[in-house]
Amino acid sequence: MGYKMPGPSLYPNIKRSTSGYRINSDDKNEEKLIIPGDENGTKISMKEENGDPLEKGYIKGTGLQTGKIIIMEPGEEHTFAGDKEVLEEPIKT
């Protein structure tokens, strides 16, 4: 079992977002975002509101409690089990 970080987030200056990098999100141009979840984990949808694949492209997701890293592709769905927050960083292509 991996080490779980206690206490407040190590990233207090990165914006938290529930809409992520979707085209209609106020946060779509942020360099990094933290996506909140709950005690069961964080669910990430790589889809736009209408169900189309996310236009932003590939995003690196890092679980802030487990350290698990996933390169997420547009159109996919992911669950970061055990992570109350996920750090998202768009991958520049």
PDB file of N, CA and C in Angstrom:
ATOM      1  N   MET A   1       0.835  -1.165   0.000  1.00  0.00           N
ATOM      2  CA  MET A   1       0.000   0.000   0.000  1.00  0.00           C
ATOM      3  C   MET A   1       0.891   1.242   0.000  1.00  0.00           C
ATOM      4  N   GLY A   2       0.553   2.218  -0.834  1.00  0.00           N
ATOM      5  CA  GLY A   2       1.354   3.424  -0.954  1.00  0.00           C
ATOM      6  C   GLY A   2       1.133   4.384   0.201  1.00  0.00           C
ATOM      7  N   TYR A   3       2.032   5.326   0.309  1.00  0.00           N
ATOM      8  CA  TYR A   3       1.946   6.355   1.333  1.00  0.00           C
ATOM      9  C   TYR A   3       0.843   7.345   0.988  1.00  0.00           C
ATOM     10  N   LYS A   4       0.011   7.691   1.937  1.00  0.00           N
ATOM     11  CA  LYS A   4      -1.056   8.677   1.724  1.00  0.00           C
ATOM     12  C   LYS A   4      -0.678   9.962   2.438  1.00  0.00           C
ATOM     13  N   MET A   5      -0.676  11.052   1.683  1.00  0.00           N
ATOM     14  CA  MET A   5      -0.289  12.335   2.248  1.00  0.00           C
ATOM     15  C   MET A   5      -1.400  12.894   3.134  1.00  0.00           C
ATOM     16  N   PRO A   6      -1.094  13.223   4.381  1.00  0.00           N
ATOM     17  CA  PRO A   6      -2.096  13.818   5.265  1.00  0.00           C
ATOM     18  C   PRO A   6      -2.142  15.331   5.092  1.00  0.00           C
ATOM     19  N   GLY A   7      -3.171  15.937   5.649  1.00  0.00           N
ATOM     20  CA  GLY A   7      -3.226  17.383   5.717  1.00  0.00           C
ATOM     21  C   GLY A   7      -3.676  18.062   4.447  1.00  0.00           C
ATOM     22  N   PRO A   8      -3.442  19.400   4.385  1.00  0.00           N
ATOM     23  CA  PRO A   8      -3.911  20.192   3.247  1.00  0.00           C
ATOM     24  C   PRO A   8      -3.140  19.878   1.973  1.00  0.00           C
ATOM     25  N   SER A   9      -3.692  20.329   0.871  1.00  0.00           N
ATOM     26  CA  SER A   9      -3.080  20.099  -0.433  1.00  0.00           C
ATOM     27  C   SER A   9      -1.695  20.714  -0.506  1.00  0.00           C
ATOM     28  N   LEU A  10      -0.818  20.066  -1.212  1.00  0.00           N
ATOM     29  CA  LEU A  10       0.516  20.604  -1.460  1.00  0.00           C
ATOM     30  C   LEU A  10       0.509  21.633  -2.582  1.00  0.00           C
ATOM     31  N   TYR A  11      -0.648  21.864  -3.170  1.00  0.00           N
ATOM     32  CA  TYR A  11      -0.775  22.777  -4.308  1.00  0.00           C
ATOM     33  C   TYR A  11      -1.822  23.853  -4.017  1.00  0.00           C
ATOM     34  N   PRO A  12      -1.595  24.711  -3.026  1.00  0.00           N
ATOM     35  CA  PRO A  12      -2.613  25.699  -2.665  1.00  0.00           C
ATOM     36  C   PRO A  12      -2.827  26.782  -3.718  1.00  0.00           C
ATOM     37  N   ASN A  13      -1.870  26.984  -4.622  1.00  0.00           N
ATOM     38  CA  ASN A  13      -1.979  28.056  -5.613  1.00  0.00           C
ATOM     39  C   ASN A  13      -2.494  27.597  -6.967  1.00  0.00           C
ATOM     40  N   ILE A  14      -2.851  26.330  -7.091  1.00  0.00           N
ATOM     41  CA  ILE A  14      -3.412  25.828  -8.347  1.00  0.00           C
ATOM     42  C   ILE A  14      -4.921  25.799  -8.209  1.00  0.00           C
ATOM     43  N   LYS A  15      -5.594  26.324  -9.204  1.00  0.00           N
ATOM     44  CA  LYS A  15      -7.049  26.462  -9.176  1.00  0.00           C
ATOM     45  C   LYS A  15      -7.742  25.104  -9.131  1.00  0.00           C
ATOM     46  N   ARG A  16      -8.752  25.003  -8.274  1.00  0.00           N
ATOM     47  CA  ARG A  16      -9.622  23.829  -8.235  1.00  0.00           C
ATOM     48  C   ARG A  16     -10.756  24.049  -9.233  1.00  0.00           C
ATOM     49  N   SER A  17     -11.146  22.990  -9.940  1.00  0.00           N
ATOM     50  CA  SER A  17     -12.166  23.123 -10.968  1.00  0.00           C
ATOM     51  C   SER A  17     -13.011  21.869 -11.042  1.00  0.00           C
ATOM     52  N   THR A  18     -14.312  22.051 -11.229  1.00  0.00           N
ATOM     53  CA  THR A  18     -15.190  20.912 -11.472  1.00  0.00           C
ATOM     54  C   THR A  18     -15.518  20.783 -12.962  1.00  0.00           C
ATOM     55  N   SER A  19     -15.199  21.809 -13.757  1.00  0.00           N
ATOM     56  CA  SER A  19     -15.479  21.753 -15.198  1.00  0.00           C
ATOM     57  C   SER A  19     -14.226  21.477 -16.018  1.00  0.00           C
ATOM     58  N   GLY A  20     -13.060  21.517 -15.403  1.00  0.00           N
ATOM     59  CA  GLY A  20     -11.818  21.150 -16.062  1.00  0.00           C
ATOM     60  C   GLY A  20     -11.509  21.938 -17.319  1.00  0.00           C
ATOM     61  N   TYR A  21     -11.066  21.233 -18.351  1.00  0.00           N
ATOM     62  CA  TYR A  21     -10.616  21.857 -19.598  1.00  0.00           C
ATOM     63  C   TYR A  21     -11.657  21.813 -20.717  1.00  0.00           C
ATOM     64  N   ARG A  22     -12.918  21.641 -20.379  1.00  0.00           N
ATOM     65  CA  ARG A  22     -13.966  21.642 -21.405  1.00  0.00           C
ATOM     66  C   ARG A  22     -14.023  23.013 -22.090  1.00  0.00           C
ATOM     67  N   ILE A  23     -14.494  23.037 -23.340  1.00  0.00           N
ATOM     68  CA  ILE A  23     -14.481  24.282 -24.123  1.00  0.00           C
ATOM     69  C   ILE A  23     -15.339  25.378 -23.511  1.00  0.00           C
ATOM     70  N   ASN A  24     -16.348  25.022 -22.725  1.00  0.00           N
ATOM     71  CA  ASN A  24     -17.199  26.043 -22.114  1.00  0.00           C
ATOM     72  C   ASN A  24     -16.782  26.378 -20.676  1.00  0.00           C
ATOM     73  N   SER A  25     -15.647  25.858 -20.219  1.00  0.00           N
ATOM     74  CA  SER A  25     -15.178  26.073 -18.854  1.00  0.00           C
ATOM     75  C   SER A  25     -14.417  27.395 -18.726  1.00  0.00           C
ATOM     76  N   ASP A  26     -14.652  28.105 -17.642  1.00  0.00           N
ATOM     77  CA  ASP A  26     -13.884  29.313 -17.348  1.00  0.00           C
ATOM     78  C   ASP A  26     -12.419  28.977 -17.065  1.00  0.00           C
ATOM     79  N   ASP A  27     -12.133  27.714 -16.807  1.00  0.00           N
ATOM     80  CA  ASP A  27     -10.783  27.277 -16.432  1.00  0.00           C
ATOM     81  C   ASP A  27      -9.982  26.678 -17.586  1.00  0.00           C
ATOM     82  N   LYS A  28     -10.525  26.695 -18.792  1.00  0.00           N
ATOM     83  CA  LYS A  28      -9.926  25.968 -19.923  1.00  0.00           C
ATOM     84  C   LYS A  28      -8.525  26.432 -20.305  1.00  0.00           C
ATOM     85  N   ASN A  29      -8.134  27.648 -19.927  1.00  0.00           N
ATOM     86  CA  ASN A  29      -6.819  28.161 -20.314  1.00  0.00           C
ATOM     87  C   ASN A  29      -5.788  28.102 -19.186  1.00  0.00           C
ATOM     88  N   GLU A  30      -6.154  27.488 -18.071  1.00  0.00           N
ATOM     89  CA  GLU A  30      -5.220  27.354 -16.950  1.00  0.00           C
ATOM     90  C   GLU A  30      -4.104  26.379 -17.326  1.00  0.00           C
ATOM     91  N   GLU A  31      -2.907  26.642 -16.813  1.00  0.00           N
ATOM     92  CA  GLU A  31      -1.761  25.768 -17.084  1.00  0.00           C
ATOM     93  C   GLU A  31      -1.915  24.411 -16.401  1.00  0.00           C
ATOM     94  N   LYS A  32      -2.478  24.427 -15.189  1.00  0.00           N
ATOM     95  CA  LYS A  32      -2.727  23.214 -14.402  1.00  0.00           C
ATOM     96  C   LYS A  32      -4.028  23.420 -13.645  1.00  0.00           C
ATOM     97  N   LEU A  33      -4.703  22.317 -13.344  1.00  0.00           N
ATOM     98  CA  LEU A  33      -5.919  22.365 -12.539  1.00  0.00           C
ATOM     99  C   LEU A  33      -5.916  21.206 -11.555  1.00  0.00           C
ATOM    100  N   ILE A  34      -6.603  21.404 -10.445  1.00  0.00           N
ATOM    101  CA  ILE A  34      -6.854  20.306  -9.524  1.00  0.00           C
ATOM    102  C   ILE A  34      -8.342  19.999  -9.574  1.00  0.00           C
ATOM    103  N   ILE A  35      -8.650  18.725  -9.847  1.00  0.00           N
ATOM    104  CA  ILE A  35     -10.026  18.261  -9.938  1.00  0.00           C
ATOM    105  C   ILE A  35     -10.360  17.561  -8.619  1.00  0.00           C
ATOM    106  N   PRO A  36     -11.367  18.059  -7.904  1.00  0.00           N
ATOM    107  CA  PRO A  36     -11.721  17.441  -6.621  1.00  0.00           C
ATOM    108  C   PRO A  36     -12.574  16.191  -6.804  1.00  0.00           C
ATOM    109  N   GLY A  37     -12.431  15.278  -5.878  1.00  0.00           N
ATOM    110  CA  GLY A  37     -13.269  14.089  -5.828  1.00  0.00           C
ATOM    111  C   GLY A  37     -13.848  13.964  -4.429  1.00  0.00           C
ATOM    112  N   ASP A  38     -13.908  12.727  -3.939  1.00  0.00           N
ATOM    113  CA  ASP A  38     -14.381  12.492  -2.577  1.00  0.00           C
ATOM    114  C   ASP A  38     -13.623  11.314  -1.991  1.00  0.00           C
ATOM    115  N   GLU A  39     -14.079  10.807  -0.863  1.00  0.00           N
ATOM    116  CA  GLU A  39     -13.361   9.721  -0.193  1.00  0.00           C
ATOM    117  C   GLU A  39     -13.307   8.442  -1.028  1.00  0.00           C
ATOM    118  N   ASN A  40     -14.172   8.325  -2.046  1.00  0.00           N
ATOM    119  CA  ASN A  40     -14.165   7.140  -2.923  1.00  0.00           C
ATOM    120  C   ASN A  40     -13.235   7.286  -4.112  1.00  0.00           C
ATOM    121  N   GLY A  41     -12.692   8.471  -4.317  1.00  0.00           N
ATOM    122  CA  GLY A  41     -11.807   8.693  -5.443  1.00  0.00           C
ATOM    123  C   GLY A  41     -12.290   9.848  -6.299  1.00  0.00           C
ATOM    124  N   THR A  42     -11.599  10.072  -7.398  1.00  0.00           N
ATOM    125  CA  THR A  42     -11.924  11.165  -8.306  1.00  0.00           C
ATOM    126  C   THR A  42     -12.210  10.594  -9.682  1.00  0.00           C
ATOM    127  N   LYS A  43     -13.363  10.969 -10.229  1.00  0.00           N
ATOM    128  CA  LYS A  43     -13.745  10.525 -11.572  1.00  0.00           C
ATOM    129  C   LYS A  43     -13.441  11.641 -12.560  1.00  0.00           C
ATOM    130  N   ILE A  44     -12.774  11.275 -13.644  1.00  0.00           N
ATOM    131  CA  ILE A  44     -12.395  12.230 -14.678  1.00  0.00           C
ATOM    132  C   ILE A  44     -13.035  11.809 -15.990  1.00  0.00           C
ATOM    133  N   SER A  45     -13.748  12.741 -16.596  1.00  0.00           N
ATOM    134  CA  SER A  45     -14.322  12.507 -17.921  1.00  0.00           C
ATOM    135  C   SER A  45     -13.540  13.325 -18.937  1.00  0.00           C
ATOM    136  N   MET A  46     -13.079  12.674 -19.951  1.00  0.00           N
ATOM    137  CA  MET A  46     -12.346  13.344 -21.027  1.00  0.00           C
ATOM    138  C   MET A  46     -13.296  13.630 -22.189  1.00  0.00           C
ATOM    139  N   LYS A  47     -14.510  14.049 -21.836  1.00  0.00           N
ATOM    140  CA  LYS A  47     -15.536  14.362 -22.828  1.00  0.00           C
ATOM    141  C   LYS A  47     -16.055  15.774 -22.603  1.00  0.00           C
ATOM    142  N   GLU A  48     -16.476  16.402 -23.700  1.00  0.00           N
ATOM    143  CA  GLU A  48     -17.137  17.702 -23.617  1.00  0.00           C
ATOM    144  C   GLU A  48     -18.538  17.498 -23.040  1.00  0.00           C
ATOM    145  N   GLU A  49     -19.231  18.585 -22.737  1.00  0.00           N
ATOM    146  CA  GLU A  49     -20.592  18.500 -22.191  1.00  0.00           C
ATOM    147  C   GLU A  49     -21.538  17.735 -23.120  1.00  0.00           C
ATOM    148  N   ASN A  50     -21.338  17.837 -24.445  1.00  0.00           N
ATOM    149  CA  ASN A  50     -22.223  17.165 -25.406  1.00  0.00           C
ATOM    150  C   ASN A  50     -21.817  15.713 -25.679  1.00  0.00           C
ATOM    151  N   GLY A  51     -20.775  15.230 -24.998  1.00  0.00           N
ATOM    152  CA  GLY A  51     -20.344  13.848 -25.165  1.00  0.00           C
ATOM    153  C   GLY A  51     -19.214  13.647 -26.154  1.00  0.00           C
ATOM    154  N   ASP A  52     -18.872  14.690 -26.921  1.00  0.00           N
ATOM    155  CA  ASP A  52     -17.745  14.591 -27.861  1.00  0.00           C
ATOM    156  C   ASP A  52     -16.432  14.467 -27.094  1.00  0.00           C
ATOM    157  N   PRO A  53     -15.389  13.905 -27.730  1.00  0.00           N
ATOM    158  CA  PRO A  53     -14.080  13.852 -27.079  1.00  0.00           C
ATOM    159  C   PRO A  53     -13.581  15.262 -26.727  1.00  0.00           C
ATOM    160  N   LEU A  54     -12.913  15.381 -25.608  1.00  0.00           N
ATOM    161  CA  LEU A  54     -12.395  16.656 -25.133  1.00  0.00           C
ATOM    162  C   LEU A  54     -11.494  17.302 -26.186  1.00  0.00           C
ATOM    163  N   GLU A  55     -11.780  18.539 -26.543  1.00  0.00           N
ATOM    164  CA  GLU A  55     -11.017  19.238 -27.570  1.00  0.00           C
ATOM    165  C   GLU A  55      -9.616  19.627 -27.109  1.00  0.00           C
ATOM    166  N   LYS A  56      -9.385  19.747 -25.808  1.00  0.00           N
ATOM    167  CA  LYS A  56      -8.084  20.169 -25.275  1.00  0.00           C
ATOM    168  C   LYS A  56      -6.991  19.193 -25.632  1.00  0.00           C
ATOM    169  N   GLY A  57      -7.345  17.935 -25.858  1.00  0.00           N
ATOM    170  CA  GLY A  57      -6.342  16.924 -26.198  1.00  0.00           C
ATOM    171  C   GLY A  57      -5.960  16.081 -24.992  1.00  0.00           C
ATOM    172  N   TYR A  58      -4.770  15.512 -25.064  1.00  0.00           N
ATOM    173  CA  TYR A  58      -4.271  14.622 -24.020  1.00  0.00           C
ATOM    174  C   TYR A  58      -3.964  15.417 -22.755  1.00  0.00           C
ATOM    175  N   ILE A  59      -4.254  14.790 -21.607  1.00  0.00           N
ATOM    176  CA  ILE A  59      -4.002  15.416 -20.311  1.00  0.00           C
ATOM    177  C   ILE A  59      -3.350  14.388 -19.399  1.00  0.00           C
ATOM    178  N   LYS A  60      -2.310  14.833 -18.704  1.00  0.00           N
ATOM    179  CA  LYS A  60      -1.657  13.988 -17.697  1.00  0.00           C
ATOM    180  C   LYS A  60      -2.402  14.192 -16.385  1.00  0.00           C
ATOM    181  N   GLY A  61      -2.873  13.105 -15.799  1.00  0.00           N
ATOM    182  CA  GLY A  61      -3.544  13.153 -14.506  1.00  0.00           C
ATOM    183  C   GLY A  61      -2.682  12.499 -13.451  1.00  0.00           C
ATOM    184  N   THR A  62      -2.503  13.179 -12.326  1.00  0.00           N
ATOM    185  CA  THR A  62      -1.709  12.643 -11.220  1.00  0.00           C
ATOM    186  C   THR A  62      -2.556  12.651  -9.960  1.00  0.00           C
ATOM    187  N   GLY A  63      -2.789  11.495  -9.398  1.00  0.00           N
ATOM    188  CA  GLY A  63      -3.524  11.393  -8.142  1.00  0.00           C
ATOM    189  C   GLY A  63      -2.683  11.965  -7.013  1.00  0.00           C
ATOM    190  N   LEU A  64      -3.236  12.917  -6.285  1.00  0.00           N
ATOM    191  CA  LEU A  64      -2.445  13.613  -5.270  1.00  0.00           C
ATOM    192  C   LEU A  64      -2.304  12.851  -3.964  1.00  0.00           C
ATOM    193  N   GLN A  65      -3.037  11.777  -3.773  1.00  0.00           N
ATOM    194  CA  GLN A  65      -2.847  10.956  -2.585  1.00  0.00           C
ATOM    195  C   GLN A  65      -2.034   9.702  -2.913  1.00  0.00           C
ATOM    196  N   THR A  66      -2.258   9.098  -4.071  1.00  0.00           N
ATOM    197  CA  THR A  66      -1.573   7.845  -4.418  1.00  0.00           C
ATOM    198  C   THR A  66      -0.354   8.042  -5.301  1.00  0.00           C
ATOM    199  N   GLY A  67      -0.295   9.163  -6.025  1.00  0.00           N
ATOM    200  CA  GLY A  67       0.800   9.389  -6.966  1.00  0.00           C
ATOM    201  C   GLY A  67       0.594   8.693  -8.305  1.00  0.00           C
ATOM    202  N   LYS A  68      -0.529   8.021  -8.473  1.00  0.00           N
ATOM    203  CA  LYS A  68      -0.814   7.324  -9.729  1.00  0.00           C
ATOM    204  C   LYS A  68      -0.895   8.328 -10.877  1.00  0.00           C
ATOM    205  N   ILE A  69      -0.225   8.015 -11.987  1.00  0.00           N
ATOM    206  CA  ILE A  69      -0.217   8.885 -13.166  1.00  0.00           C
ATOM    207  C   ILE A  69      -0.887   8.165 -14.326  1.00  0.00           C
ATOM    208  N   ILE A  70      -1.803   8.872 -14.994  1.00  0.00           N
ATOM    209  CA  ILE A  70      -2.463   8.340 -16.189  1.00  0.00           C
ATOM    210  C   ILE A  70      -2.394   9.403 -17.274  1.00  0.00           C
ATOM    211  N   ILE A  71      -1.968   9.007 -18.464  1.00  0.00           N
ATOM    212  CA  ILE A  71      -2.065   9.884 -19.632  1.00  0.00           C
ATOM    213  C   ILE A  71      -3.446   9.625 -20.208  1.00  0.00           C
ATOM    214  N   MET A  72      -4.310  10.639 -20.087  1.00  0.00           N
ATOM    215  CA  MET A  72      -5.718  10.467 -20.451  1.00  0.00           C
ATOM    216  C   MET A  72      -5.975  10.995 -21.853  1.00  0.00           C
ATOM    217  N   GLU A  73      -6.650  10.181 -22.653  1.00  0.00           N
ATOM    218  CA  GLU A  73      -6.963  10.538 -24.035  1.00  0.00           C
ATOM    219  C   GLU A  73      -8.384  11.077 -24.143  1.00  0.00           C
ATOM    220  N   PRO A  74      -8.607  12.006 -25.084  1.00  0.00           N
ATOM    221  CA  PRO A  74      -9.964  12.515 -25.303  1.00  0.00           C
ATOM    222  C   PRO A  74     -10.948  11.372 -25.543  1.00  0.00           C
ATOM    223  N   GLY A  75     -12.119  11.473 -24.903  1.00  0.00           N
ATOM    224  CA  GLY A  75     -13.170  10.461 -25.048  1.00  0.00           C
ATOM    225  C   GLY A  75     -13.177   9.413 -23.949  1.00  0.00           C
ATOM    226  N   GLU A  76     -12.108   9.326 -23.171  1.00  0.00           N
ATOM    227  CA  GLU A  76     -12.010   8.303 -22.130  1.00  0.00           C
ATOM    228  C   GLU A  76     -12.667   8.750 -20.822  1.00  0.00           C
ATOM    229  N   GLU A  77     -12.861   7.787 -19.927  1.00  0.00           N
ATOM    230  CA  GLU A  77     -13.345   8.018 -18.563  1.00  0.00           C
ATOM    231  C   GLU A  77     -12.353   7.329 -17.626  1.00  0.00           C
ATOM    232  N   HIS A  78     -12.002   7.996 -16.529  1.00  0.00           N
ATOM    233  CA  HIS A  78     -11.037   7.421 -15.585  1.00  0.00           C
ATOM    234  C   HIS A  78     -11.519   7.624 -14.157  1.00  0.00           C
ATOM    235  N   THR A  79     -11.149   6.676 -13.299  1.00  0.00           N
ATOM    236  CA  THR A  79     -11.374   6.821 -11.868  1.00  0.00           C
ATOM    237  C   THR A  79     -10.031   6.678 -11.171  1.00  0.00           C
ATOM    238  N   PHE A  80      -9.701   7.664 -10.359  1.00  0.00           N
ATOM    239  CA  PHE A  80      -8.495   7.626  -9.553  1.00  0.00           C
ATOM    240  C   PHE A  80      -8.923   7.183  -8.150  1.00  0.00           C
ATOM    241  N   ALA A  81      -8.994   5.864  -7.961  1.00  0.00           N
ATOM    242  CA  ALA A  81      -9.417   5.306  -6.676  1.00  0.00           C
ATOM    243  C   ALA A  81      -8.411   5.685  -5.601  1.00  0.00           C
ATOM    244  N   GLY A  82      -8.918   6.164  -4.462  1.00  0.00           N
ATOM    245  CA  GLY A  82      -8.046   6.536  -3.364  1.00  0.00           C
ATOM    246  C   GLY A  82      -7.508   7.950  -3.429  1.00  0.00           C
ATOM    247  N   ASP A  83      -7.849   8.680  -4.488  1.00  0.00           N
ATOM    248  CA  ASP A  83      -7.374  10.058  -4.632  1.00  0.00           C
ATOM    249  C   ASP A  83      -8.527  11.037  -4.470  1.00  0.00           C
ATOM    250  N   LYS A  84      -8.423  11.907  -3.468  1.00  0.00           N
ATOM    251  CA  LYS A  84      -9.451  12.918  -3.242  1.00  0.00           C
ATOM    252  C   LYS A  84      -9.289  14.104  -4.175  1.00  0.00           C
ATOM    253  N   GLU A  85      -8.110  14.217  -4.813  1.00  0.00           N
ATOM    254  CA  GLU A  85      -7.838  15.267  -5.795  1.00  0.00           C
ATOM    255  C   GLU A  85      -6.917  14.717  -6.869  1.00  0.00           C
ATOM    256  N   VAL A  86      -7.095  15.242  -8.101  1.00  0.00           N
ATOM    257  CA  VAL A  86      -6.227  14.865  -9.218  1.00  0.00           C
ATOM    258  C   VAL A  86      -5.689  16.146  -9.854  1.00  0.00           C
ATOM    259  N   LEU A  87      -4.368  16.185 -10.033  1.00  0.00           N
ATOM    260  CA  LEU A  87      -3.716  17.288 -10.718  1.00  0.00           C
ATOM    261  C   LEU A  87      -3.752  17.000 -12.217  1.00  0.00           C
ATOM    262  N   GLU A  88      -4.321  17.930 -12.987  1.00  0.00           N
ATOM    263  CA  GLU A  88      -4.377  17.775 -14.447  1.00  0.00           C
ATOM    264  C   GLU A  88      -3.437  18.767 -15.112  1.00  0.00           C
ATOM    265  N   GLU A  89      -2.682  18.264 -16.087  1.00  0.00           N
ATOM    266  CA  GLU A  89      -1.773  19.094 -16.861  1.00  0.00           C
ATOM    267  C   GLU A  89      -1.913  18.725 -18.331  1.00  0.00           C
ATOM    268  N   PRO A  90      -2.378  19.660 -19.180  1.00  0.00           N
ATOM    269  CA  PRO A  90      -2.460  19.367 -20.608  1.00  0.00           C
ATOM    270  C   PRO A  90      -1.074  19.019 -21.162  1.00  0.00           C
ATOM    271  N   ILE A  91      -1.055  18.086 -22.084  1.00  0.00           N
ATOM    272  CA  ILE A  91       0.189  17.683 -22.735  1.00  0.00           C
ATOM    273  C   ILE A  91       0.284  18.456 -24.043  1.00  0.00           C
ATOM    274  N   LYS A  92       1.334  19.221 -24.153  1.00  0.00           N
ATOM    275  CA  LYS A  92       1.539  20.028 -25.376  1.00  0.00           C
ATOM    276  C   LYS A  92       2.060  19.126 -26.465  1.00  0.00           C
ATOM    277  N   THR A  93       1.387  19.146 -27.605  1.00  0.00           N
ATOM    278  CA  THR A  93       1.827  18.292 -28.730  1.00  0.00           C
ATOM    279  C   THR A  93       2.338  19.128 -29.867  1.00  0.00           C
TER     280      THR A  93
END
